[in-house]
Amino acid sequence: MAGTINKVILIGHLGDEVKMHYFEGGNAIGRFPIATNETYTNKQTGEKVTTTEWHNIVVRNKLAEICEKYLSKGDKVYVEGRIKTRQWEGEDKSKRYTTEIHVVDMTFLTTKKELNAPVQKESSKPNPSTPPNQESVSKEEVADDLPF
């Protein structure tokens, strides 16, 4: 294979609220952790063991604003993106690293706002299995198309 691929697909639950940072010129960045779980049975003891992996998620601009508006801690999301590692200098002058998932596509699978809302007709909900293309979605379209 001549090329390389950097692609991540995760389905997990938000571990915290979306933290936003706005820049001059109207750009924005949102950050939040999501948790993924793996369950297996210990062969020696026969007991079920669940391990949790935490992932640092980064969303930008319109998608970040949509996430801030609709997502909250505990919500389940589908995320597609790329792994990126950042380096910075800590307070003790040592090099620090963090690994993040920079989101390309995202779908809200369940939200607390959706669970607390009155039941809607099934035909009025969009298909949650197809991730939206955030490049072509306007804020007005998103407000009308989201089921919550």
Protein backbone atom coordinates (compact mmCIF):
# COMPACT_ATOMS: atom_id res chain seq x y z
CA MET A 1 0.00 0.00 0.00
CA ALA A 2 1.51 3.30 -1.08
CA GLY A 3 -0.47 5.68 1.16
CA THR A 4 -1.17 5.90 4.86
CA ILE A 5 -4.41 6.24 6.79
CA ASN A 6 -5.14 8.05 10.04
CA LYS A 7 -8.80 7.31 10.80
CA VAL A 8 -10.62 6.71 14.08
CA ILE A 9 -14.23 5.64 14.64
CA LEU A 10 -15.61 5.75 18.18
CA ILE A 11 -19.02 5.31 19.79
CA GLY A 12 -19.05 6.44 23.39
CA HIS A 13 -20.57 8.61 26.10
CA LEU A 14 -19.56 12.19 26.94
CA GLY A 15 -17.66 12.35 30.22
CA ASP A 16 -18.13 16.11 30.67
CA GLU A 17 -19.77 19.17 29.14
CA VAL A 18 -18.35 20.69 25.93
CA LYS A 19 -15.71 23.32 26.76
CA MET A 20 -15.64 26.10 24.15
CA HIS A 21 -12.96 28.58 23.16
CA TYR A 22 -13.68 31.36 20.66
CA PHE A 23 -11.03 33.09 18.53
CA GLU A 24 -10.90 36.42 16.73
CA GLY A 25 -12.44 36.12 13.29
CA GLY A 26 -15.33 33.93 14.46
CA ASN A 27 -13.56 30.56 14.67
CA ALA A 28 -14.30 28.28 17.61
CA ILE A 29 -12.97 25.07 19.11
CA GLY A 30 -14.78 22.70 21.45
CA ARG A 31 -13.22 19.99 23.59
CA PHE A 32 -14.79 17.15 25.57
CA PRO A 33 -13.89 13.62 26.69
CA ILE A 34 -15.79 10.52 25.63
CA ALA A 35 -15.58 7.10 27.24
CA THR A 36 -15.62 3.76 25.44
CA ASN A 37 -16.05 0.50 27.35
CA GLU A 38 -14.83 -3.03 26.76
CA THR A 39 -16.33 -5.95 28.66
CA TYR A 40 -14.80 -9.40 28.86
CA THR A 41 -14.95 -12.45 31.13
CA ASN A 42 -11.89 -13.25 33.24
CA LYS A 43 -11.06 -16.90 32.42
CA GLN A 44 -9.63 -17.67 35.88
CA THR A 45 -12.44 -16.20 38.01
CA GLY A 46 -15.34 -16.24 35.54
CA GLU A 47 -16.34 -12.70 36.50
CA LYS A 48 -17.17 -9.97 33.99
CA VAL A 49 -14.62 -7.17 33.81
CA THR A 50 -15.30 -3.77 32.23
CA THR A 51 -12.48 -1.43 31.26
CA THR A 52 -13.01 2.18 30.23
CA GLU A 53 -10.83 4.10 27.79
CA TRP A 54 -11.03 7.91 27.71
CA HIS A 55 -10.58 9.88 24.48
CA ASN A 56 -10.02 13.65 24.15
CA ILE A 57 -12.32 14.94 21.40
CA VAL A 58 -11.78 18.20 19.47
CA VAL A 59 -14.46 19.80 17.27
CA ARG A 60 -14.18 23.06 15.35
CA ASN A 61 -16.31 26.00 14.23
CA LYS A 62 -19.97 25.18 13.35
CA LEU A 63 -19.76 21.62 14.62
CA ALA A 64 -18.33 22.87 17.93
CA GLU A 65 -21.22 25.32 18.34
CA ILE A 66 -23.75 22.57 17.56
CA CYS A 67 -22.11 20.25 20.09
CA GLU A 68 -22.16 22.96 22.75
CA LYS A 69 -25.87 23.59 22.12
CA TYR A 70 -27.14 20.00 22.02
CA LEU A 71 -24.71 17.74 23.91
CA SER A 72 -24.26 17.24 27.63
CA LYS A 73 -22.51 14.81 29.95
CA GLY A 74 -23.70 11.22 29.46
CA ASP A 75 -24.91 11.62 25.86
CA LYS A 76 -23.95 8.88 23.38
CA VAL A 77 -22.18 9.95 20.18
CA TYR A 78 -20.66 8.46 17.04
CA VAL A 79 -17.35 10.15 16.13
CA GLU A 80 -15.10 9.85 13.07
CA GLY A 81 -11.80 11.68 12.99
CA ARG A 82 -8.01 11.65 13.02
CA ILE A 83 -5.53 11.08 15.84
CA LYS A 84 -3.28 14.06 16.55
CA THR A 85 -0.68 14.48 19.27
CA ARG A 86 0.09 17.91 20.73
CA GLN A 87 3.20 18.88 22.67
CA TRP A 88 3.54 21.72 25.17
CA GLU A 89 5.77 22.77 28.05
CA GLY A 90 4.49 22.13 31.58
CA GLU A 91 4.84 24.46 34.56
CA ASP A 92 7.94 22.53 35.59
CA LYS A 93 9.47 23.16 32.13
CA SER A 94 9.08 19.50 31.12
CA LYS A 95 7.66 18.45 27.76
CA ARG A 96 4.06 17.27 27.94
CA TYR A 97 2.03 15.43 25.31
CA THR A 98 -1.66 14.85 24.74
CA THR A 99 -3.37 12.70 22.13
CA GLU A 100 -6.64 13.99 20.68
CA ILE A 101 -9.26 12.90 18.16
CA HIS A 102 -9.92 15.75 15.69
CA VAL A 103 -13.47 15.16 14.48
CA VAL A 104 -14.38 15.03 10.80
CA ASP A 105 -17.92 13.57 11.11
CA MET A 106 -20.21 13.13 14.08
CA THR A 107 -23.70 11.83 14.85
CA PHE A 108 -25.64 12.32 18.08
CA LEU A 109 -27.02 8.89 18.99
CA THR A 110 -28.85 9.71 22.24
CA THR A 111 -29.07 12.96 24.15
CA LYS A 112 -30.62 13.79 27.49
CA LYS A 113 -32.56 16.56 25.79
CA GLU A 114 -34.02 13.94 23.41
CA LEU A 115 -34.93 11.59 26.25
CA ASN A 116 -36.72 14.37 28.16
CA ALA A 117 -38.61 15.70 25.11
CA PRO A 118 -42.16 14.63 24.26
CA VAL A 119 -42.41 11.68 21.85
CA GLN A 120 -42.48 12.71 18.17
CA LYS A 121 -43.74 10.82 15.14
CA GLU A 122 -41.13 8.38 13.85
CA SER A 123 -41.34 9.75 10.30
CA SER A 124 -40.18 13.21 11.41
CA LYS A 125 -36.83 11.96 12.75
CA PRO A 126 -33.72 11.85 10.52
CA ASN A 127 -31.80 8.58 10.16
CA PRO A 128 -29.20 8.59 13.02
CA SER A 129 -27.09 5.87 11.38
CA THR A 130 -25.82 8.26 8.71
CA PRO A 131 -23.27 10.77 10.02
CA PRO A 132 -24.06 14.32 8.85
CA ASN A 133 -21.59 16.19 6.66
CA GLN A 134 -20.91 19.22 8.85
CA GLU A 135 -19.36 21.11 5.93
CA SER A 136 -22.70 21.45 4.15
CA VAL A 137 -25.07 21.86 7.11
CA SER A 138 -26.20 25.37 7.99
CA LYS A 139 -27.26 26.34 11.53
CA GLU A 140 -30.85 26.86 10.35
CA GLU A 141 -30.95 23.40 8.74
CA VAL A 142 -29.53 21.76 11.84
CA ALA A 143 -32.08 23.43 14.12
CA ASP A 144 -34.91 22.08 11.93
CA ASP A 145 -33.49 18.60 11.22
CA LEU A 146 -32.36 17.51 14.69
CA PRO A 147 -34.83 15.28 16.51
CA PHE A 148 -34.30 16.94 19.89
